[in-house]
Structures are given as C-alpha cells and as structure tokens.
Amino acid sequence: MEEQSNIQIPRAKLGSQGLEVSKLGFGCMGLTGIYNTPVSEEAGISIIKDAFSKGITFFDTADIYGPHTNEILLGKALKQLPREKIELATKCGIVGYDKTQMIVKGTPEYVRSCCEASLKRLGVDYIDLYYLHRVDKSIPIEETMAEFKKLVEEGKVKYIGLSEASPDTIRRAHAVHPITALQMEWSLWTRDIEEDVIPLCRELCIGIVPYSPLGRGFFGGKAIVESIPANSFLVSHPRFVGDNLEKNKILYTRLLDLAVKHHCTPAQLALAWVLHQGHDVVPIPGTTKIKNLDDNIGSLKVKLAKEDLEQISDTVCLEDVAGARVYGIMEPHSWKFANTPAKEDST
C-alpha cells in the first residue's frame, strides 16, 4: 500500500469512437458538497491538480452539482492544466430537486442551453464527453439525442454519454448517434445492471463508467470508521440509517477480513473488484482528501483472479444488503418531468 503516487495508471478505451481515458477517473461532485461541506476553492483545485499529476486525466462533473459551482471549480483547475491532456465529462438533464423528487428535462432547447452554459462555466471550447444525466420520459429519446448529435457536428461536444438509462432507451439513443459511455451506479452492493445493461453495452461497444464504486464511501469506512457529517445527504440514505446501517456494517467487516488476505484496504479491494469487471470499465470515485485519492490509486496494484472476484462477490452478498439505493433507474416514480403537467409525472 506504499508508493501509490508512483503507480502508472493505464489507459482505457470507452466506446468505439476513439475516446481514451485514464483507467481510473475522478468524480468531482463531492468537492462542492452533497456528501460533506464544500471544500475551499484552493483545496478543490489542489486535489484536482494532484490527481492529474498522478496520472488521472478523466474528470467528471455536472451542471447540477452545486448547482453550477462544481463546473466553475473544475474550470478554474483546468486553467492550470494542459487541456489537451484531459478528458472532461459533464452532464445535463437534471433541473433540480423538489422535496423528494428529481426534476428532469431533455428537450432539445434545454440541452443546447445547458451545453452553452457548461462550456462557459468550464471555460473550454468543447466537452469531451457530454452525458444526458437522466432521461426525460415525457419526450422521445430520439428528440433529445438529435440535439446531442448536432452539438457533436458543431464541435462543441466530442462524444455522447447516457446516465441511468434503461436497455430500451440505450438501444434507441444509440441508433440516433453512437453512445460512447454509459454512467451507472455499480459497486459491490449495487449490481442490478449486470443482467441486462452490461451485456447490451458490450453488444453495442459502449464503455461503462461506474459512479459510486465505493458504495458512496461505505466501503471506504464512511459511517463506520468515519462519521457522516450532519449536512451530508447520506444521513437520510436508506443504507446508512438505523437497522439497515447495522446490518450493512457486517458486510464491511467481512470485506475488511478479506482485504487483509490481499494486503490492501477494504476500499482498495472494493474498487479493485470494479476495475476488474472489464477493460471497458472506468470507475470514477471521488474524494476531498489526498490520502483517499492515493488509496484509490493504490487499488490498481491489487491483482484479482477469477476465483478472487467470485469470493469478493460472495463476501458482500447482495441478499444481505439492507436498504434501497436512491435516484437510480429503479425509482422512476421519484422523478418529475419539467415539461409535463404534474398529473403525468408518474411513469
């Protein structure tokens, strides 16, 4: 677990259109809140630059993070880095949150306005990978993708991605313009995409970008060896509260015991498990701490055989996971579509 900073981070290809990124990406969301108090601008820029200096070139943000402040922070960091050596990903499609609802919008006009605004906040001429953050089910996906395609043709976007999309939506979107990457929640305790979504992505040559590969920090010890800040959205997350948390702590203990065998930390073992799911898989863990960044990079040194992967999967048995994940593909009832009447919100 030493000398993580000297690890050579390999490259990975996402999709079949030519995008190549660092095998390990960096999710910037947490730098401006959500899981904790936002870090200072100086600290945020510092960790982004440190990640780049250690070989991470794939940085992920979104217009809803902050909102807007995350893109602004990343944009300021980019001014101190060589733009041509960075793969920049951002997203549009989430308008905001209304109590317990996520408000989504995917009209062509909205997509274009979001892209223009993101380019300005980031201070760049183009976005390497532009995702539809959530699918607006009130309009055909073909209409949304047609606008994304125009942005590619105009040079404002290089590659197109989807986030939390169903197999049918992925196939229909891909028919309009090749989808380069699909961003989905994928970790030891969230594997519902493995049956249908992953095989489809491989059929269509779509790269897979797992977010929350450490279970929103759980397998890094959050809520176990590190307390959850009072302002974190995790204080009400189903998997981090009450009896659910107590049951899930057993999973962490099991993984901790197994990590000893592999001479690594539980976080490294959990992340290595995701990294070993395929050459087309590029997880994007985020952190606000350099020591956690180094720990994440150190996961690349953990080598796992097929039987190791199976043992890890069995150790964190899905049947034993307590609590649902939130804001995912399985909860469309919690979404509200900004361009439709309230009575039509449910799908």
Protein backbone atom coordinates (compact mmCIF):
# COMPACT_ATOMS: atom_id res chain seq x y z
CA MET A 1 0.00 0.00 0.00
CA GLU A 2 3.00 2.28 -0.31
CA GLU A 3 4.20 4.46 -3.18
CA GLN A 4 0.72 4.81 -4.67
CA SER A 5 1.77 8.09 -6.25
CA ASN A 6 4.31 6.20 -8.39
CA ILE A 7 1.74 3.83 -9.86
CA GLN A 8 1.42 4.09 -13.63
CA ILE A 9 -2.29 4.49 -14.33
CA PRO A 10 -3.14 2.58 -17.53
CA ARG A 11 -5.33 3.91 -20.32
CA ALA A 12 -8.72 2.56 -21.32
CA LYS A 13 -10.91 2.97 -24.38
CA LEU A 14 -14.52 3.97 -23.92
CA GLY A 15 -16.79 3.09 -26.81
CA SER A 16 -15.64 2.58 -30.38
CA GLN A 17 -15.47 6.22 -31.47
CA GLY A 18 -11.94 6.92 -30.24
CA LEU A 19 -12.25 8.20 -26.67
CA GLU A 20 -9.35 7.08 -24.48
CA VAL A 21 -9.18 7.94 -20.79
CA SER A 22 -7.26 7.03 -17.65
CA LYS A 23 -8.45 3.65 -16.34
CA LEU A 24 -9.35 5.41 -13.09
CA GLY A 25 -11.31 8.65 -13.27
CA PHE A 26 -12.10 11.32 -10.68
CA GLY A 27 -15.65 12.26 -9.72
CA CYS A 28 -15.66 15.93 -8.75
CA MET A 29 -19.17 16.12 -7.26
CA GLY A 30 -18.14 15.89 -3.60
CA LEU A 31 -15.79 18.86 -3.83
CA THR A 32 -18.76 21.23 -3.70
CA GLY A 33 -20.91 19.45 -1.14
CA ILE A 34 -23.55 16.69 -1.24
CA TYR A 35 -21.59 14.28 0.96
CA ASN A 36 -19.90 16.91 3.11
CA THR A 37 -19.22 20.61 3.49
CA PRO A 38 -17.80 22.07 0.26
CA VAL A 39 -14.03 22.35 0.30
CA SER A 40 -12.37 25.70 -0.31
CA GLU A 41 -11.60 26.69 -3.89
CA GLU A 42 -7.89 26.38 -3.17
CA ALA A 43 -8.29 22.87 -1.75
CA GLY A 44 -10.54 21.76 -4.59
CA ILE A 45 -8.15 22.95 -7.26
CA SER A 46 -5.26 21.38 -5.38
CA ILE A 47 -6.76 17.89 -5.29
CA ILE A 48 -7.73 18.04 -8.97
CA LYS A 49 -4.19 19.04 -9.88
CA ASP A 50 -2.78 16.34 -7.60
CA ALA A 51 -4.96 13.72 -9.27
CA PHE A 52 -3.70 14.84 -12.68
CA SER A 53 -0.08 14.77 -11.53
CA LYS A 54 -0.57 11.13 -10.51
CA GLY A 55 -1.98 10.08 -13.87
CA ILE A 56 -5.73 10.67 -13.66
CA THR A 57 -6.86 12.55 -16.76
CA PHE A 58 -10.61 11.76 -16.76
CA PHE A 59 -12.61 14.27 -14.68
CA ASP A 60 -16.38 14.08 -14.19
CA THR A 61 -18.75 16.89 -13.22
CA ALA A 62 -22.32 18.04 -13.99
CA ASP A 63 -24.29 21.27 -14.16
CA ILE A 64 -26.50 20.19 -11.24
CA TYR A 65 -23.54 19.76 -8.86
CA GLY A 66 -23.62 22.86 -6.69
CA PRO A 67 -25.58 23.68 -8.78
CA HIS A 68 -23.04 25.16 -11.22
CA THR A 69 -20.27 25.67 -8.64
CA ASN A 70 -18.67 22.30 -9.41
CA GLU A 71 -18.19 23.13 -13.07
CA ILE A 72 -16.82 26.55 -12.12
CA LEU A 73 -14.31 24.97 -9.72
CA LEU A 74 -13.18 22.40 -12.29
CA GLY A 75 -12.92 25.15 -14.89
CA LYS A 76 -10.55 27.10 -12.68
CA ALA A 77 -8.42 24.00 -12.17
CA LEU A 78 -8.34 23.36 -15.90
CA LYS A 79 -6.77 26.77 -16.47
CA GLN A 80 -3.73 25.46 -14.58
CA LEU A 81 -3.57 22.17 -16.51
CA PRO A 82 -2.90 21.18 -20.14
CA ARG A 83 -6.41 20.99 -21.63
CA GLU A 84 -5.36 18.69 -24.47
CA LYS A 85 -4.27 16.02 -21.98
CA ILE A 86 -7.57 15.95 -20.10
CA GLU A 87 -10.82 14.12 -20.82
CA LEU A 88 -13.60 16.32 -19.48
CA ALA A 89 -17.06 14.90 -18.81
CA THR A 90 -20.11 16.85 -17.74
CA LYS A 91 -23.86 16.31 -17.83
CA CYS A 92 -27.23 17.93 -18.31
CA GLY A 93 -30.81 16.86 -17.78
CA ILE A 94 -31.45 17.30 -14.07
CA VAL A 95 -33.16 20.63 -13.45
CA GLY A 96 -33.21 20.32 -9.69
CA TYR A 97 -34.97 18.68 -6.76
CA ASP A 98 -38.46 19.29 -5.39
CA LYS A 99 -38.65 17.83 -1.89
CA THR A 100 -38.16 14.12 -2.59
CA GLN A 101 -38.46 14.41 -6.37
CA MET A 102 -35.82 14.76 -9.03
CA ILE A 103 -36.91 17.13 -11.80
CA VAL A 104 -35.58 16.16 -15.22
CA LYS A 105 -35.78 17.78 -18.64
CA GLY A 106 -34.48 16.67 -22.01
CA THR A 107 -35.97 18.98 -24.62
CA PRO A 108 -33.61 19.98 -27.45
CA GLU A 109 -33.77 23.62 -26.41
CA TYR A 110 -32.86 22.77 -22.83
CA VAL A 111 -29.99 20.51 -23.85
CA ARG A 112 -28.49 23.22 -26.05
CA SER A 113 -28.84 25.93 -23.41
CA CYS A 114 -27.21 23.66 -20.82
CA CYS A 115 -24.30 22.84 -23.09
CA GLU A 116 -23.63 26.51 -23.85
CA ALA A 117 -23.77 27.36 -20.15
CA SER A 118 -21.45 24.49 -19.20
CA LEU A 119 -18.89 25.50 -21.82
CA LYS A 120 -18.88 29.00 -20.36
CA ARG A 121 -18.61 27.88 -16.71
CA LEU A 122 -15.84 25.41 -17.55
CA GLY A 123 -14.02 27.95 -19.70
CA VAL A 124 -13.50 25.49 -22.56
CA ASP A 125 -14.30 25.31 -26.27
CA TYR A 126 -15.52 21.73 -26.21
CA ILE A 127 -16.66 18.97 -23.87
CA ASP A 128 -15.02 15.59 -24.39
CA LEU A 129 -17.91 13.50 -23.07
CA TYR A 130 -21.36 15.03 -22.65
CA TYR A 131 -23.94 12.92 -20.81
CA LEU A 132 -27.68 13.07 -20.59
CA HIS A 133 -27.75 12.87 -16.78
CA ARG A 134 -31.25 11.43 -16.51
CA VAL A 135 -33.73 10.50 -19.24
CA ASP A 136 -36.81 12.66 -19.69
CA LYS A 137 -39.50 10.04 -20.29
CA SER A 138 -42.05 12.66 -21.34
CA ILE A 139 -40.43 13.06 -24.77
CA PRO A 140 -38.93 10.53 -27.19
CA ILE A 141 -35.24 9.91 -26.51
CA GLU A 142 -34.69 10.35 -30.25
CA GLU A 143 -35.53 14.06 -29.95
CA THR A 144 -33.04 14.58 -27.15
CA MET A 145 -30.29 12.64 -28.93
CA ALA A 146 -30.84 14.55 -32.16
CA GLU A 147 -29.75 17.70 -30.35
CA PHE A 148 -26.74 15.97 -28.82
CA LYS A 149 -25.81 14.86 -32.34
CA LYS A 150 -25.97 18.48 -33.54
CA LEU A 151 -23.63 19.53 -30.73
CA VAL A 152 -21.14 16.89 -31.90
CA GLU A 153 -21.42 18.09 -35.50
CA GLU A 154 -20.77 21.65 -34.33
CA GLY A 155 -17.64 20.61 -32.42
CA LYS A 156 -18.98 21.62 -29.03
CA VAL A 157 -19.08 18.00 -27.88
CA LYS A 158 -16.79 15.16 -28.93
CA TYR A 159 -18.59 12.12 -27.52
CA ILE A 160 -22.06 11.39 -26.16
CA GLY A 161 -22.97 9.53 -22.99
CA LEU A 162 -26.06 8.44 -21.07
CA SER A 163 -26.57 8.06 -17.34
CA GLU A 164 -29.03 5.72 -15.60
CA ALA A 165 -30.77 4.70 -18.83
CA SER A 166 -32.78 1.54 -19.45
CA PRO A 167 -31.75 -1.01 -22.10
CA ASP A 168 -34.52 0.10 -24.46
CA THR A 169 -33.50 3.75 -24.14
CA ILE A 170 -29.83 2.90 -24.68
CA ARG A 171 -30.60 1.00 -27.87
CA ARG A 172 -32.87 3.73 -29.27
CA ALA A 173 -30.40 6.51 -28.39
CA HIS A 174 -27.51 4.59 -29.93
CA ALA A 175 -29.46 4.33 -33.19
CA VAL A 176 -29.53 8.14 -33.46
CA HIS A 177 -25.83 8.62 -32.67
CA PRO A 178 -23.26 6.20 -31.23
CA ILE A 179 -23.20 6.30 -27.46
CA THR A 180 -19.62 6.25 -26.16
CA ALA A 181 -20.23 5.66 -22.47
CA LEU A 182 -22.95 4.76 -20.03
CA GLN A 183 -22.62 6.03 -16.47
CA MET A 184 -24.35 3.85 -13.89
CA GLU A 185 -24.10 3.13 -10.20
CA TRP A 186 -22.06 -0.07 -9.87
CA SER A 187 -20.35 -1.35 -6.77
CA LEU A 188 -20.21 -4.42 -4.55
CA TRP A 189 -23.63 -3.59 -3.10
CA THR A 190 -25.29 -2.28 -6.29
CA ARG A 191 -25.16 -4.74 -9.17
CA ASP A 192 -28.59 -4.60 -10.79
CA ILE A 193 -27.09 -3.55 -14.14
CA GLU A 194 -25.16 -6.78 -14.58
CA GLU A 195 -28.01 -8.88 -16.00
CA ASP A 196 -29.27 -6.70 -18.87
CA VAL A 197 -27.42 -3.39 -19.13
CA ILE A 198 -23.80 -4.57 -19.16
CA PRO A 199 -24.35 -7.24 -21.86
CA LEU A 200 -26.13 -4.65 -24.03
CA CYS A 201 -23.29 -2.15 -23.62
CA ARG A 202 -20.82 -4.78 -24.75
CA GLU A 203 -23.02 -5.74 -27.69
CA LEU A 204 -23.08 -2.09 -28.81
CA CYS A 205 -19.44 -1.34 -27.82
CA ILE A 206 -20.44 1.23 -25.20
CA GLY A 207 -17.97 1.93 -22.37
CA ILE A 208 -19.12 1.66 -18.76
CA VAL A 209 -18.39 4.37 -16.20
CA PRO A 210 -19.42 3.26 -12.69
CA TYR A 211 -20.22 6.06 -10.27
CA SER A 212 -20.19 5.48 -6.50
CA PRO A 213 -17.90 2.44 -6.97
CA LEU A 214 -17.20 2.52 -3.23
CA GLY A 215 -20.88 2.46 -2.29
CA ARG A 216 -20.99 6.22 -1.65
CA GLY A 217 -17.93 5.85 0.54
CA PHE A 218 -19.28 2.97 2.63
CA PHE A 219 -16.52 0.57 1.63
CA GLY A 220 -14.03 3.28 2.45
CA GLY A 221 -15.33 3.27 6.00
CA LYS A 222 -17.90 6.07 5.89
CA ALA A 223 -20.38 5.68 8.75
CA ILE A 224 -18.08 3.03 10.27
CA VAL A 225 -14.57 4.36 10.88
CA GLU A 226 -15.53 7.85 9.75
CA SER A 227 -18.72 9.61 10.86
CA ILE A 228 -21.20 11.12 8.42
CA PRO A 229 -21.33 14.94 8.55
CA ALA A 230 -24.67 16.35 9.67
CA ASN A 231 -25.08 18.21 6.36
CA SER A 232 -24.47 15.12 4.21
CA PHE A 233 -27.35 13.70 2.18
CA LEU A 234 -26.20 10.31 3.43
CA VAL A 235 -27.79 10.99 6.84
CA SER A 236 -31.12 10.03 5.25
CA HIS A 237 -29.86 7.47 2.72
CA PRO A 238 -31.65 4.14 3.29
CA ARG A 239 -28.40 2.18 3.51
CA PHE A 240 -26.81 4.49 6.07
CA VAL A 241 -29.54 4.72 8.71
CA GLY A 242 -30.88 2.68 11.62
CA ASP A 243 -31.08 -1.08 11.43
CA ASN A 244 -30.03 -1.03 7.77
CA LEU A 245 -26.69 0.51 8.70
CA GLU A 246 -26.14 -2.01 11.47
CA LYS A 247 -26.79 -4.87 9.05
CA ASN A 248 -24.54 -3.35 6.40
CA LYS A 249 -21.70 -2.94 8.86
CA ILE A 250 -21.45 -6.73 8.85
CA LEU A 251 -20.67 -6.58 5.12
CA TYR A 252 -17.88 -4.08 5.77
CA THR A 253 -16.39 -6.32 8.44
CA ARG A 254 -16.41 -9.27 6.05
CA LEU A 255 -14.67 -7.21 3.39
CA LEU A 256 -12.14 -5.94 5.94
CA ASP A 257 -11.19 -9.51 6.81
CA LEU A 258 -10.78 -10.37 3.13
CA ALA A 259 -8.71 -7.24 2.48
CA VAL A 260 -6.14 -8.47 4.99
CA LYS A 261 -5.63 -11.54 2.81
CA HIS A 262 -4.98 -9.32 -0.22
CA HIS A 263 -2.71 -6.91 1.71
CA CYS A 264 -4.85 -3.88 0.92
CA THR A 265 -7.54 -1.69 2.43
CA PRO A 266 -11.26 -2.51 2.16
CA ALA A 267 -11.67 0.48 -0.17
CA GLN A 268 -8.90 -0.79 -2.43
CA LEU A 269 -10.41 -4.25 -2.57
CA ALA A 270 -13.89 -2.90 -3.36
CA LEU A 271 -12.52 -0.61 -6.06
CA ALA A 272 -10.26 -3.32 -7.49
CA TRP A 273 -13.33 -5.53 -7.83
CA VAL A 274 -14.97 -2.88 -10.02
CA LEU A 275 -11.77 -2.26 -12.01
CA HIS A 276 -11.54 -5.99 -12.78
CA GLN A 277 -15.01 -6.12 -14.33
CA GLY A 278 -13.56 -5.42 -17.79
CA HIS A 279 -11.21 -3.35 -19.90
CA ASP A 280 -14.19 -1.16 -20.84
CA VAL A 281 -14.97 -0.28 -17.21
CA VAL A 282 -13.67 3.06 -15.84
CA PRO A 283 -14.86 3.89 -12.30
CA ILE A 284 -14.89 7.50 -11.12
CA PRO A 285 -14.52 7.57 -7.32
CA GLY A 286 -14.41 11.00 -5.76
CA THR A 287 -12.84 12.32 -2.58
CA THR A 288 -11.87 15.52 -0.82
CA LYS A 289 -8.74 14.03 0.77
CA ILE A 290 -5.33 13.34 -0.78
CA LYS A 291 -4.88 10.22 1.36
CA ASN A 292 -8.11 8.76 -0.04
CA LEU A 293 -7.02 9.66 -3.57
CA ASP A 294 -3.77 7.77 -3.02
CA ASP A 295 -5.71 4.86 -1.57
CA ASN A 296 -7.93 4.76 -4.65
CA ILE A 297 -4.96 4.84 -7.00
CA GLY A 298 -3.40 2.05 -4.95
CA SER A 299 -6.32 -0.20 -5.91
CA LEU A 300 -4.70 -0.54 -9.33
CA LYS A 301 -1.96 -2.63 -7.72
CA VAL A 302 -4.44 -5.17 -6.36
CA LYS A 303 -4.49 -8.13 -8.74
CA LEU A 304 -7.50 -10.42 -8.58
CA ALA A 305 -8.05 -13.79 -10.22
CA LYS A 306 -11.49 -15.04 -11.28
CA GLU A 307 -11.88 -17.00 -8.06
CA ASP A 308 -10.93 -13.90 -6.06
CA LEU A 309 -13.67 -11.88 -7.76
CA GLU A 310 -16.19 -14.60 -7.01
CA GLN A 311 -15.11 -14.75 -3.38
CA ILE A 312 -15.43 -10.98 -3.01
CA SER A 313 -18.89 -11.05 -4.62
CA ASP A 314 -19.96 -13.78 -2.23
CA THR A 315 -18.47 -11.95 0.75
CA VAL A 316 -20.66 -8.92 0.08
CA CYS A 317 -23.76 -10.94 -0.71
CA LEU A 318 -26.50 -8.87 -2.36
CA GLU A 319 -29.18 -10.68 -0.38
CA ASP A 320 -27.61 -9.27 2.78
CA VAL A 321 -27.55 -5.63 1.64
CA ALA A 322 -30.07 -3.62 3.67
CA GLY A 323 -31.81 -0.59 2.18
CA ALA A 324 -32.51 0.65 -1.34
CA ARG A 325 -30.30 2.81 -3.49
CA VAL A 326 -31.68 6.23 -4.41
CA TYR A 327 -32.13 8.27 -7.60
CA GLY A 328 -31.48 5.25 -9.78
CA ILE A 329 -33.05 3.53 -12.72
CA MET A 330 -35.27 1.53 -10.39
CA GLU A 331 -37.03 4.60 -8.96
CA PRO A 332 -38.60 6.49 -11.89
CA HIS A 333 -41.58 7.27 -9.68
CA SER A 334 -39.41 9.75 -7.80
CA TRP A 335 -38.75 11.78 -10.93
CA LYS A 336 -40.75 14.77 -12.10
CA PHE A 337 -40.60 15.90 -15.70
CA ALA A 338 -40.24 19.65 -16.03
CA ASN A 339 -42.11 20.00 -19.33
CA THR A 340 -45.22 17.96 -18.48
CA PRO A 341 -48.22 18.54 -16.20
CA ALA A 342 -47.91 17.22 -12.66
CA LYS A 343 -50.63 14.61 -13.21
CA GLU A 344 -48.40 12.95 -15.81
CA ASP A 345 -45.30 12.80 -13.63
CA SER A 346 -45.54 9.10 -12.86
CA THR A 347 -44.28 6.60 -15.41
